[in-house]
Amino acid sequence: MAGLIRSLIALVVLAFIAKTIERKRHSAQADDATQWPAWNQGASTPGESASNATVPEPEPEPVSVAASESWSAPIDGDCPPGFPVKVKLSSRIYHVEGMMHWGRLHADRCYSSTVAAEADGFRASKM
């Protein structure tokens, strides 16, 4: 009887290990499929390899005259007079004087108003 129980436990453990390996293998294949594009993706003709194909450059965003006048480059991280709104490009968040982190923020851009910053796709800081 003890030998039967040991065999049953060993069978359950082996089944568990096999299922775990199968899940890892399946998830690794799914990850590889989503990360790696087909080798000939982007080739213009069936005989042309992807390395010879030209990849189109992304078009620059059009900048209107009004948009270019609504912001200024900061000077050593501080905004020049007339541009009280500090913007951090990496977070897409703007800060106005009086907000919690305005004094220590090194701005990437300075806007003339919150309306102009929001028009360029930035949102207000929550603090």
C-alpha atoms as a PDB file:
ATOM      1  CA  MET A   1       0.000   0.000   0.000  1.00  0.00           C
ATOM      2  CA  ALA A   2       2.839   2.423   0.862  1.00  0.00           C
ATOM      3  CA  GLY A   3       4.459   1.736  -2.542  1.00  0.00           C
ATOM      4  CA  LEU A   4       1.203   2.632  -4.317  1.00  0.00           C
ATOM      5  CA  ILE A   5       0.929   5.940  -2.439  1.00  0.00           C
ATOM      6  CA  ARG A   6       4.565   6.813  -3.236  1.00  0.00           C
ATOM      7  CA  SER A   7       3.980   6.046  -6.907  1.00  0.00           C
ATOM      8  CA  LEU A   8       0.826   8.164  -6.945  1.00  0.00           C
ATOM      9  CA  ILE A   9       2.624  11.106  -5.276  1.00  0.00           C
ATOM     10  CA  ALA A  10       5.519  10.797  -7.741  1.00  0.00           C
ATOM     11  CA  LEU A  11       3.050  10.780 -10.656  1.00  0.00           C
ATOM     12  CA  VAL A  12       1.318  13.928  -9.380  1.00  0.00           C
ATOM     13  CA  VAL A  13       4.653  15.716  -8.886  1.00  0.00           C
ATOM     14  CA  LEU A  14       5.809  14.767 -12.388  1.00  0.00           C
ATOM     15  CA  ALA A  15       2.503  15.943 -13.887  1.00  0.00           C
ATOM     16  CA  PHE A  16       2.863  19.260 -12.068  1.00  0.00           C
ATOM     17  CA  ILE A  17       6.434  19.721 -13.336  1.00  0.00           C
ATOM     18  CA  ALA A  18       5.419  18.853 -16.902  1.00  0.00           C
ATOM     19  CA  LYS A  19       2.520  21.331 -16.821  1.00  0.00           C
ATOM     20  CA  THR A  20       4.778  24.088 -15.428  1.00  0.00           C
ATOM     21  CA  ILE A  21       7.344  23.509 -18.182  1.00  0.00           C
ATOM     22  CA  GLU A  22       4.590  23.549 -20.808  1.00  0.00           C
ATOM     23  CA  ARG A  23       3.228  26.879 -19.492  1.00  0.00           C
ATOM     24  CA  LYS A  24       6.686  28.480 -19.480  1.00  0.00           C
ATOM     25  CA  ARG A  25       7.409  27.254 -22.979  1.00  0.00           C
ATOM     26  CA  HIS A  26       4.032  28.506 -24.234  1.00  0.00           C
ATOM     27  CA  SER A  27       4.452  31.945 -22.616  1.00  0.00           C
ATOM     28  CA  ALA A  28       8.001  32.243 -24.015  1.00  0.00           C
ATOM     29  CA  GLN A  29       6.711  31.465 -27.517  1.00  0.00           C
ATOM     30  CA  ALA A  30       3.924  34.026 -27.121  1.00  0.00           C
ATOM     31  CA  ASP A  31       6.439  36.656 -25.935  1.00  0.00           C
ATOM     32  CA  ASP A  32       8.759  35.927 -28.866  1.00  0.00           C
ATOM     33  CA  ALA A  33       5.883  36.251 -31.318  1.00  0.00           C
ATOM     34  CA  THR A  34       4.920  39.685 -29.999  1.00  0.00           C
ATOM     35  CA  GLN A  35       8.463  41.055 -29.760  1.00  0.00           C
ATOM     36  CA  TRP A  36      10.009  39.921 -33.021  1.00  0.00           C
ATOM     37  CA  PRO A  37       8.502  41.020 -36.346  1.00  0.00           C
ATOM     38  CA  ALA A  38       8.642  38.820 -39.410  1.00  0.00           C
ATOM     39  CA  TRP A  39      12.092  38.844 -41.049  1.00  0.00           C
ATOM     40  CA  ASN A  40      10.736  40.340 -44.266  1.00  0.00           C
ATOM     41  CA  GLN A  41       8.402  42.869 -42.749  1.00  0.00           C
ATOM     42  CA  GLY A  42       8.703  46.130 -44.612  1.00  0.00           C
ATOM     43  CA  ALA A  43      10.312  44.629 -47.731  1.00  0.00           C
ATOM     44  CA  SER A  44       8.881  46.165 -50.871  1.00  0.00           C
ATOM     45  CA  THR A  45       9.259  43.092 -53.098  1.00  0.00           C
ATOM     46  CA  PRO A  46       9.239  39.385 -52.297  1.00  0.00           C
ATOM     47  CA  GLY A  47      12.922  39.045 -53.260  1.00  0.00           C
ATOM     48  CA  GLU A  48      14.111  42.082 -51.328  1.00  0.00           C
ATOM     49  CA  SER A  49      15.287  41.571 -47.767  1.00  0.00           C
ATOM     50  CA  ALA A  50      14.169  43.784 -44.901  1.00  0.00           C
ATOM     51  CA  SER A  51      17.698  45.150 -44.450  1.00  0.00           C
ATOM     52  CA  ASN A  52      17.598  46.655 -47.964  1.00  0.00           C
ATOM     53  CA  ALA A  53      14.113  48.098 -47.564  1.00  0.00           C
ATOM     54  CA  THR A  54      13.828  51.740 -46.683  1.00  0.00           C
ATOM     55  CA  VAL A  55      11.885  52.535 -43.565  1.00  0.00           C
ATOM     56  CA  PRO A  56       9.818  55.691 -43.925  1.00  0.00           C
ATOM     57  CA  GLU A  57      10.852  58.491 -41.588  1.00  0.00           C
ATOM     58  CA  PRO A  58       8.119  59.762 -39.263  1.00  0.00           C
ATOM     59  CA  GLU A  59       6.836  63.126 -40.350  1.00  0.00           C
ATOM     60  CA  PRO A  60       7.550  65.987 -37.962  1.00  0.00           C
ATOM     61  CA  GLU A  61       4.553  67.452 -36.212  1.00  0.00           C
ATOM     62  CA  PRO A  62       3.418  70.664 -37.857  1.00  0.00           C
ATOM     63  CA  VAL A  63       4.047  73.690 -35.689  1.00  0.00           C
ATOM     64  CA  SER A  64       1.766  76.635 -36.184  1.00  0.00           C
ATOM     65  CA  VAL A  65       2.973  80.192 -35.772  1.00  0.00           C
ATOM     66  CA  ALA A  66       0.693  80.657 -32.756  1.00  0.00           C
ATOM     67  CA  ALA A  67       2.016  77.482 -31.121  1.00  0.00           C
ATOM     68  CA  SER A  68       5.644  78.469 -31.627  1.00  0.00           C
ATOM     69  CA  GLU A  69       5.017  81.867 -29.981  1.00  0.00           C
ATOM     70  CA  SER A  70       3.204  80.340 -26.995  1.00  0.00           C
ATOM     71  CA  TRP A  71       6.290  78.706 -25.474  1.00  0.00           C
ATOM     72  CA  SER A  72       9.902  79.589 -24.868  1.00  0.00           C
ATOM     73  CA  ALA A  73      13.026  77.650 -24.030  1.00  0.00           C
ATOM     74  CA  PRO A  74      14.007  77.873 -20.361  1.00  0.00           C
ATOM     75  CA  ILE A  75      17.212  79.494 -19.208  1.00  0.00           C
ATOM     76  CA  ASP A  76      19.047  77.124 -16.824  1.00  0.00           C
ATOM     77  CA  GLY A  77      15.730  75.401 -16.038  1.00  0.00           C
ATOM     78  CA  ASP A  78      13.955  78.635 -15.113  1.00  0.00           C
ATOM     79  CA  CYS A  79      11.321  80.343 -17.216  1.00  0.00           C
ATOM     80  CA  PRO A  80      11.887  83.820 -18.658  1.00  0.00           C
ATOM     81  CA  PRO A  81       9.505  86.680 -17.764  1.00  0.00           C
ATOM     82  CA  GLY A  82       6.121  86.334 -19.439  1.00  0.00           C
ATOM     83  CA  PHE A  83       6.226  82.520 -19.435  1.00  0.00           C
ATOM     84  CA  PRO A  84       5.050  81.397 -15.965  1.00  0.00           C
ATOM     85  CA  VAL A  85       4.078  77.814 -16.855  1.00  0.00           C
ATOM     86  CA  LYS A  86       6.845  75.185 -16.526  1.00  0.00           C
ATOM     87  CA  VAL A  87       6.506  71.975 -18.564  1.00  0.00           C
ATOM     88  CA  LYS A  88       8.366  68.680 -18.245  1.00  0.00           C
ATOM     89  CA  LEU A  89       8.290  66.880 -21.618  1.00  0.00           C
ATOM     90  CA  SER A  90       8.925  63.393 -20.229  1.00  0.00           C
ATOM     91  CA  SER A  91       5.857  63.460 -17.974  1.00  0.00           C
ATOM     92  CA  ARG A  92       3.665  65.690 -20.182  1.00  0.00           C
ATOM     93  CA  ILE A  93       2.741  67.683 -17.035  1.00  0.00           C
ATOM     94  CA  TYR A  94       2.803  71.432 -16.481  1.00  0.00           C
ATOM     95  CA  HIS A  95       3.310  73.350 -13.241  1.00  0.00           C
ATOM     96  CA  VAL A  96       2.188  76.875 -12.399  1.00  0.00           C
ATOM     97  CA  GLU A  97       3.785  79.158  -9.824  1.00  0.00           C
ATOM     98  CA  GLY A  98       2.325  78.347  -6.428  1.00  0.00           C
ATOM     99  CA  MET A  99       2.090  74.607  -7.090  1.00  0.00           C
ATOM    100  CA  MET A 100       4.024  72.286  -4.810  1.00  0.00           C
ATOM    101  CA  HIS A 101       6.994  71.454  -7.082  1.00  0.00           C
ATOM    102  CA  TRP A 102       7.162  74.620  -9.197  1.00  0.00           C
ATOM    103  CA  GLY A 103      10.237  76.078  -7.494  1.00  0.00           C
ATOM    104  CA  ARG A 104      12.471  73.034  -7.838  1.00  0.00           C
ATOM    105  CA  LEU A 105      11.297  71.913 -11.290  1.00  0.00           C
ATOM    106  CA  HIS A 106      13.818  72.288 -14.117  1.00  0.00           C
ATOM    107  CA  ALA A 107      11.559  73.010 -17.066  1.00  0.00           C
ATOM    108  CA  ASP A 108      12.000  71.664 -20.588  1.00  0.00           C
ATOM    109  CA  ARG A 109       9.634  74.333 -21.957  1.00  0.00           C
ATOM    110  CA  CYS A 110       7.979  77.449 -20.602  1.00  0.00           C
ATOM    111  CA  TYR A 111       4.488  78.443 -21.734  1.00  0.00           C
ATOM    112  CA  SER A 112       2.785  81.801 -21.661  1.00  0.00           C
ATOM    113  CA  SER A 113      -0.475  80.305 -20.315  1.00  0.00           C
ATOM    114  CA  THR A 114      -2.034  77.081 -19.127  1.00  0.00           C
ATOM    115  CA  VAL A 115      -4.345  77.179 -22.141  1.00  0.00           C
ATOM    116  CA  ALA A 116      -1.340  77.081 -24.479  1.00  0.00           C
ATOM    117  CA  ALA A 117       0.222  74.197 -22.523  1.00  0.00           C
ATOM    118  CA  GLU A 118      -3.028  72.222 -22.634  1.00  0.00           C
ATOM    119  CA  ALA A 119      -3.363  72.935 -26.368  1.00  0.00           C
ATOM    120  CA  ASP A 120       0.009  71.211 -26.854  1.00  0.00           C
ATOM    121  CA  GLY A 121      -1.216  68.141 -24.957  1.00  0.00           C
ATOM    122  CA  PHE A 122       0.097  68.735 -21.435  1.00  0.00           C
ATOM    123  CA  ARG A 123      -1.962  68.322 -18.282  1.00  0.00           C
ATOM    124  CA  ALA A 124      -1.862  70.146 -14.971  1.00  0.00           C
ATOM    125  CA  SER A 125       0.039  68.735 -12.023  1.00  0.00           C
ATOM    126  CA  LYS A 126      -2.176  67.249  -9.334  1.00  0.00           C
ATOM    127  CA  MET A 127      -0.153  68.962  -6.592  1.00  0.00           C
END
